[in-house]
Structure formats: structure tokens, C-alpha cells
Amino acid sequence: MAKLWTAADKINSASMPSWLLNSPYGEDGTIRQVLLANAKNNSLTTSVSSILGAMAIIVLINRIDRRRALILSFAFLSLALLVLAILFKYLFHTSAHWVLVIAYALVQFGFAFGPNTLTFIMAAEIFPTRYRCTCYGIAAACGKLGSVFVQLAFLFFDKGGIKDPNSKALGKIIFIFAVFMLVGAFVSWAWIPGVQERDVDVDGEARKGKLRTKTLEELGGGRACVGEEEKVGVRAAGRGVRKRVRRRRGR
């Protein structure tokens, strides 16, 4: 956060107090001032945007296809992080650093609107009742293991670039995160089943508005209870895409 909010390089010497390395005040400021400033900056860039993203998904959760939203949000985050990494290279510690702050806030909005919310909501829906507690726990644990892995990676592979307040190494980390978001989009497309369908009227026409969440019996039936286009797996998902493309060309 300090790297995003500062507009110039800092004096990094052994005699400088550690808290000033993360200070938006340059080489001045008390511990209290630095803590308050960092708390305000975190609130503006992370908390506010995350709350807005969570509020947006709460309003739209039953009006959008959750599987599609998960795929698209992962793809959006991959692109947004890629753009942020490029901007970081050119705008780091310049007078235009506010662009990085806005870009980072948009990323936090995307996380709250997409994967951060949808991964635990959909994990509570897709597993059959008999295995739900165990599988939901495994899904949640995988997320925590990912966080632990990142911290260990910083600990063992960082050569001091992340800790150096004037280093641009953070841009490389952001780029790596963009790659992982792209992997998340692919995995969601290939192996996450749909949990909703649009209601139909008496004539079989799809109704506009809210989507109907599938029942536990429908979700618990697995591959045997879904149509060909809804089956998971790279081959099945690829066939579904090709069929939709052919139908659109036929129109």
C-alpha cells in the first residue's frame, strides 16, 4: 500500500526508523501519524471498494449466472492485474501514482464481486448433501493454503525487492497474480458446474428476471442429471462452446 500511495523515492538507510519506510509523509512523521495515514489509505483503496463489490453481488446474486460471473470475474481480474503491473512499471513513485491507487481499488472491487464471494457461495451449492461438509472444508482449506504459499514464496524467494521501498519488484508479483487469475478462469470454465437455470413459463419460454437455483436433488445427481452442454471437463465444455457457435452462425 505504501508503494502505491507514495509519489517519490525514499531515503533507505540503516539509520532510518522502520516505520518511515512505509510512510506517505516521506522522511517525516511519527508512528501515530504513519499508522493513521496507512489506515486511511487502506480504507479508501481496499475496504470501501470491497464493500461496494460485496453489495453489488448481493443485489445481483440471483439475477446473474453465478458460474459465468465467476469465469468472467476471474478473466477481468487477470486483465486488470496485468494492466496494474504495466502501470506500476511506469507510474511507480511518480506524480501520477494516483492512477495505481484507482486501478488497485478496481481490482479489490472485482475480487469482492467475483471470486472472493462466489467461490465460497458456489462451494456450498455444488456438492451433494452427503459430502458437502467435507468437500466445502477442502475447498476452503485450499484457499487458505494458497495464502500460506504466497507468504512462504515471499519469505524464501524475495531477494529484498519487496521490502525495499524503492524497488519495482512488486510489479512482477502483480503480473504473477494475473497469470493465476487466468488459471482460475480456465478451471472455472472447464470444471465448475452450473448451479442455476432460467425459469420457463407454460409455453416453455424462458422467463426474464431471477434465475432459479437448482434443487439439491438436481445438483446431487451429478453428470447423469445434466444436459450435454452442462457437463464439466475440458472436452465437454469445448463441445458446448462449439455447439453455441454453430447455432449462432445458423441464425
Protein backbone atom coordinates (compact mmCIF):
# COMPACT_ATOMS: atom_id res chain seq x y z
CA MET A 1 0.00 0.00 0.00
CA ALA A 2 2.86 2.38 0.80
CA LYS A 3 4.36 1.75 -2.65
CA LEU A 4 1.08 2.74 -4.31
CA TRP A 5 0.49 5.88 -2.27
CA THR A 6 3.94 7.50 -2.36
CA ALA A 7 4.96 9.81 -5.20
CA ALA A 8 8.77 9.78 -4.91
CA ASP A 9 11.66 7.55 -3.92
CA LYS A 10 12.52 7.32 -0.23
CA ILE A 11 15.86 7.57 1.51
CA ASN A 12 16.55 3.99 2.54
CA SER A 13 19.30 3.94 5.12
CA ALA A 14 20.11 1.84 8.16
CA SER A 15 19.58 4.84 10.43
CA MET A 16 16.02 5.48 9.24
CA PRO A 17 13.25 4.22 11.57
CA SER A 18 11.45 1.23 10.10
CA TRP A 19 8.01 2.83 10.17
CA LEU A 20 9.14 5.65 7.85
CA LEU A 21 9.82 3.12 5.08
CA ASN A 22 6.03 2.71 4.85
CA SER A 23 5.21 6.36 5.43
CA PRO A 24 3.34 8.58 2.94
CA TYR A 25 4.98 11.55 4.67
CA GLY A 26 8.38 10.96 3.15
CA GLU A 27 11.14 11.13 5.75
CA ASP A 28 8.94 12.76 8.41
CA GLY A 29 6.06 11.65 10.60
CA THR A 30 5.52 9.97 13.93
CA ILE A 31 4.47 6.35 14.34
CA ARG A 32 0.92 7.51 15.14
CA GLN A 33 0.72 9.68 12.01
CA VAL A 34 2.04 6.89 9.80
CA LEU A 35 -0.39 4.32 11.25
CA LEU A 36 -3.37 6.67 10.83
CA ALA A 37 -2.38 7.56 7.27
CA ASN A 38 -1.92 3.90 6.31
CA ALA A 39 -5.26 3.00 7.90
CA LYS A 40 -6.98 5.74 5.88
CA ASN A 41 -5.28 4.67 2.66
CA ASN A 42 -6.23 1.03 3.26
CA SER A 43 -9.83 2.02 3.94
CA LEU A 44 -10.07 4.05 0.73
CA THR A 45 -8.43 1.51 -1.58
CA THR A 46 -9.40 -1.83 -0.05
CA SER A 47 -12.30 -1.61 2.41
CA VAL A 48 -14.58 0.80 0.53
CA SER A 49 -14.15 -0.89 -2.85
CA SER A 50 -14.52 -4.37 -1.35
CA ILE A 51 -17.73 -3.39 0.47
CA LEU A 52 -19.15 -1.90 -2.74
CA GLY A 53 -18.27 -5.08 -4.65
CA ALA A 54 -19.90 -7.26 -2.00
CA MET A 55 -23.04 -5.09 -2.02
CA ALA A 56 -23.23 -5.33 -5.81
CA ILE A 57 -23.02 -9.13 -5.84
CA ILE A 58 -25.63 -9.38 -3.05
CA VAL A 59 -28.07 -7.40 -5.20
CA LEU A 60 -27.31 -9.35 -8.40
CA ILE A 61 -26.62 -12.83 -6.99
CA ASN A 62 -29.92 -14.32 -8.19
CA ARG A 63 -30.14 -12.28 -11.40
CA ILE A 64 -26.86 -13.35 -12.99
CA ASP A 65 -25.46 -16.75 -13.84
CA ARG A 66 -23.05 -17.42 -10.97
CA ARG A 67 -20.83 -19.79 -12.94
CA ARG A 68 -20.50 -17.31 -15.80
CA ALA A 69 -19.90 -14.47 -13.33
CA LEU A 70 -17.10 -16.49 -11.71
CA ILE A 71 -15.42 -17.14 -15.06
CA LEU A 72 -15.75 -13.54 -16.27
CA SER A 73 -14.63 -12.04 -12.96
CA PHE A 74 -11.51 -14.21 -12.97
CA ALA A 75 -10.82 -13.10 -16.56
CA PHE A 76 -11.45 -9.44 -15.66
CA LEU A 77 -9.08 -9.68 -12.70
CA SER A 78 -6.40 -11.25 -14.88
CA LEU A 79 -6.65 -8.34 -17.31
CA ALA A 80 -6.89 -5.74 -14.52
CA LEU A 81 -3.83 -7.10 -12.72
CA LEU A 82 -1.90 -7.22 -15.99
CA VAL A 83 -2.75 -3.56 -16.61
CA LEU A 84 -1.82 -2.71 -13.00
CA ALA A 85 1.55 -4.45 -13.39
CA ILE A 86 2.30 -2.46 -16.55
CA LEU A 87 1.18 0.82 -14.98
CA PHE A 88 3.25 0.06 -11.90
CA LYS A 89 6.39 -0.16 -14.02
CA TYR A 90 5.90 3.35 -15.45
CA LEU A 91 4.00 5.23 -12.72
CA PHE A 92 5.69 3.91 -9.57
CA HIS A 93 6.87 6.82 -7.40
CA THR A 94 5.72 9.47 -9.86
CA SER A 95 3.17 12.27 -9.58
CA ALA A 96 0.70 10.02 -11.45
CA HIS A 97 0.76 7.35 -8.73
CA TRP A 98 -2.94 8.06 -8.05
CA VAL A 99 -3.70 6.03 -11.21
CA LEU A 100 -2.23 2.99 -9.44
CA VAL A 101 -4.45 3.64 -6.43
CA ILE A 102 -7.60 3.72 -8.59
CA ALA A 103 -6.53 0.61 -10.52
CA TYR A 104 -5.88 -1.26 -7.27
CA ALA A 105 -9.29 -0.21 -5.90
CA LEU A 106 -10.96 -1.59 -9.06
CA VAL A 107 -9.10 -4.88 -8.53
CA GLN A 108 -10.41 -5.09 -4.96
CA PHE A 109 -13.95 -4.37 -6.22
CA GLY A 110 -13.56 -7.18 -8.75
CA PHE A 111 -12.36 -9.63 -6.10
CA ALA A 112 -15.33 -8.88 -3.81
CA PHE A 113 -17.82 -9.01 -6.69
CA GLY A 114 -16.33 -12.20 -8.11
CA PRO A 115 -14.04 -14.92 -6.73
CA ASN A 116 -13.85 -13.81 -3.09
CA THR A 117 -17.64 -14.18 -2.78
CA LEU A 118 -18.59 -16.68 -5.46
CA THR A 119 -16.03 -19.34 -4.59
CA PHE A 120 -17.49 -19.95 -1.13
CA ILE A 121 -21.12 -19.46 -2.23
CA MET A 122 -20.83 -21.96 -5.09
CA ALA A 123 -18.86 -24.41 -2.97
CA ALA A 124 -21.86 -24.56 -0.65
CA GLU A 125 -24.15 -25.36 -3.58
CA ILE A 126 -22.44 -27.79 -5.91
CA PHE A 127 -21.61 -30.65 -3.52
CA PRO A 128 -24.22 -33.31 -2.67
CA THR A 129 -25.57 -33.12 0.87
CA ARG A 130 -23.81 -36.30 1.97
CA TYR A 131 -20.36 -34.91 1.10
CA ARG A 132 -20.99 -31.19 1.43
CA CYS A 133 -19.30 -30.54 4.78
CA THR A 134 -16.13 -32.44 3.84
CA CYS A 135 -15.85 -31.02 0.32
CA TYR A 136 -16.67 -27.48 1.44
CA GLY A 137 -13.92 -27.79 4.06
CA ILE A 138 -11.45 -28.99 1.44
CA ALA A 139 -12.40 -26.09 -0.84
CA ALA A 140 -11.96 -23.56 1.98
CA ALA A 141 -8.66 -25.13 3.06
CA CYS A 142 -7.29 -24.86 -0.49
CA GLY A 143 -7.88 -21.10 -0.38
CA LYS A 144 -6.02 -20.80 2.92
CA LEU A 145 -3.17 -22.95 1.61
CA GLY A 146 -2.88 -20.58 -1.33
CA SER A 147 -2.45 -17.66 1.05
CA VAL A 148 0.17 -19.57 3.05
CA PHE A 149 2.03 -20.50 -0.14
CA VAL A 150 2.26 -16.85 -1.20
CA GLN A 151 3.69 -15.83 2.18
CA LEU A 152 6.25 -18.65 2.02
CA ALA A 153 7.16 -17.64 -1.53
CA PHE A 154 7.84 -14.08 -0.36
CA LEU A 155 9.89 -15.41 2.54
CA PHE A 156 12.16 -17.76 0.56
CA PHE A 157 12.33 -16.22 -2.93
CA ASP A 158 12.26 -12.48 -2.29
CA LYS A 159 15.76 -11.02 -2.58
CA GLY A 160 14.82 -7.87 -0.69
CA GLY A 161 12.93 -6.27 -3.56
CA ILE A 162 9.53 -6.34 -1.87
CA LYS A 163 10.87 -4.84 1.35
CA ASP A 164 12.85 -2.15 -0.46
CA PRO A 165 10.51 0.89 -0.63
CA ASN A 166 12.05 2.00 -3.94
CA SER A 167 12.02 -1.37 -5.71
CA LYS A 168 9.68 -2.16 -8.60
CA ALA A 169 9.66 -5.88 -7.75
CA LEU A 170 6.02 -5.64 -6.70
CA GLY A 171 5.08 -5.19 -10.37
CA LYS A 172 6.46 -8.67 -11.14
CA ILE A 173 4.41 -10.15 -8.28
CA ILE A 174 1.27 -8.49 -9.63
CA PHE A 175 1.99 -10.00 -13.06
CA ILE A 176 2.30 -13.48 -11.50
CA PHE A 177 -1.06 -12.94 -9.77
CA ALA A 178 -2.58 -12.05 -13.17
CA VAL A 179 -1.44 -15.43 -14.52
CA PHE A 180 -3.07 -17.24 -11.59
CA MET A 181 -6.35 -15.37 -12.20
CA LEU A 182 -6.26 -16.62 -15.80
CA VAL A 183 -5.79 -20.16 -14.48
CA GLY A 184 -8.79 -19.60 -12.21
CA ALA A 185 -10.91 -18.55 -15.20
CA PHE A 186 -9.90 -21.69 -17.13
CA VAL A 187 -10.57 -24.04 -14.21
CA SER A 188 -13.96 -22.40 -13.58
CA TRP A 189 -14.88 -22.73 -17.26
CA ALA A 190 -13.80 -26.36 -17.52
CA TRP A 191 -14.79 -27.94 -14.21
CA ILE A 192 -17.28 -25.80 -12.29
CA PRO A 193 -20.87 -26.95 -12.97
CA GLY A 194 -23.77 -24.57 -13.39
CA VAL A 195 -25.98 -24.18 -10.32
CA GLN A 196 -28.84 -22.19 -11.86
CA GLU A 197 -31.26 -22.24 -14.72
CA ARG A 198 -33.80 -19.81 -16.04
CA ASP A 199 -37.43 -20.43 -15.16
CA VAL A 200 -39.76 -21.22 -18.04
CA ASP A 201 -43.43 -20.42 -18.49
CA VAL A 202 -46.19 -22.82 -19.52
CA ASP A 203 -45.16 -22.46 -23.15
CA GLY A 204 -41.58 -23.42 -22.39
CA GLU A 205 -40.25 -19.91 -22.95
CA ALA A 206 -37.53 -18.64 -20.62
CA ARG A 207 -38.71 -16.01 -18.19
CA LYS A 208 -36.80 -12.79 -17.65
CA GLY A 209 -35.55 -11.78 -14.22
CA LYS A 210 -34.26 -14.02 -11.48
CA LEU A 211 -32.63 -17.36 -12.20
CA ARG A 212 -33.81 -20.46 -10.41
CA THR A 213 -31.23 -22.23 -8.25
CA LYS A 214 -31.22 -25.95 -8.91
CA THR A 215 -32.51 -28.19 -6.16
CA LEU A 216 -30.22 -30.35 -4.04
CA GLU A 217 -31.52 -33.43 -5.86
CA GLU A 218 -30.67 -31.94 -9.25
CA LEU A 219 -27.19 -30.89 -8.15
CA GLY A 220 -26.57 -34.16 -6.33
CA GLY A 221 -27.36 -36.17 -9.46
CA GLY A 222 -24.03 -35.16 -11.00
CA ARG A 223 -23.18 -35.71 -14.66
CA ALA A 224 -26.06 -38.13 -15.20
CA CYS A 225 -28.68 -35.45 -14.47
CA VAL A 226 -27.44 -32.62 -16.70
CA GLY A 227 -27.59 -31.99 -20.39
CA GLU A 228 -24.66 -32.48 -22.73
CA GLU A 229 -23.84 -28.76 -22.78
CA GLU A 230 -23.74 -28.57 -18.96
CA LYS A 231 -21.29 -31.40 -18.35
CA VAL A 232 -17.93 -30.44 -16.90
CA GLY A 233 -14.48 -31.19 -18.26
CA VAL A 234 -12.38 -29.58 -20.97
CA ARG A 235 -13.80 -31.73 -23.76
CA ALA A 236 -17.42 -31.32 -22.66
CA ALA A 237 -17.03 -27.55 -22.18
CA GLY A 238 -15.33 -27.28 -25.57
CA ARG A 239 -18.15 -29.18 -27.26
CA GLY A 240 -20.67 -26.86 -25.64
CA VAL A 241 -18.85 -23.79 -26.96
CA ARG A 242 -18.67 -25.22 -30.48
CA LYS A 243 -22.41 -26.02 -30.45
CA ARG A 244 -23.31 -22.50 -29.33
CA VAL A 245 -21.08 -21.03 -32.04
CA ARG A 246 -22.71 -23.21 -34.72
CA ARG A 247 -26.20 -22.22 -33.52
CA ARG A 248 -25.35 -18.52 -33.73
CA ARG A 249 -23.92 -18.95 -37.21
CA GLY A 250 -27.08 -20.76 -38.23
CA ARG A 251 -29.19 -17.79 -37.19
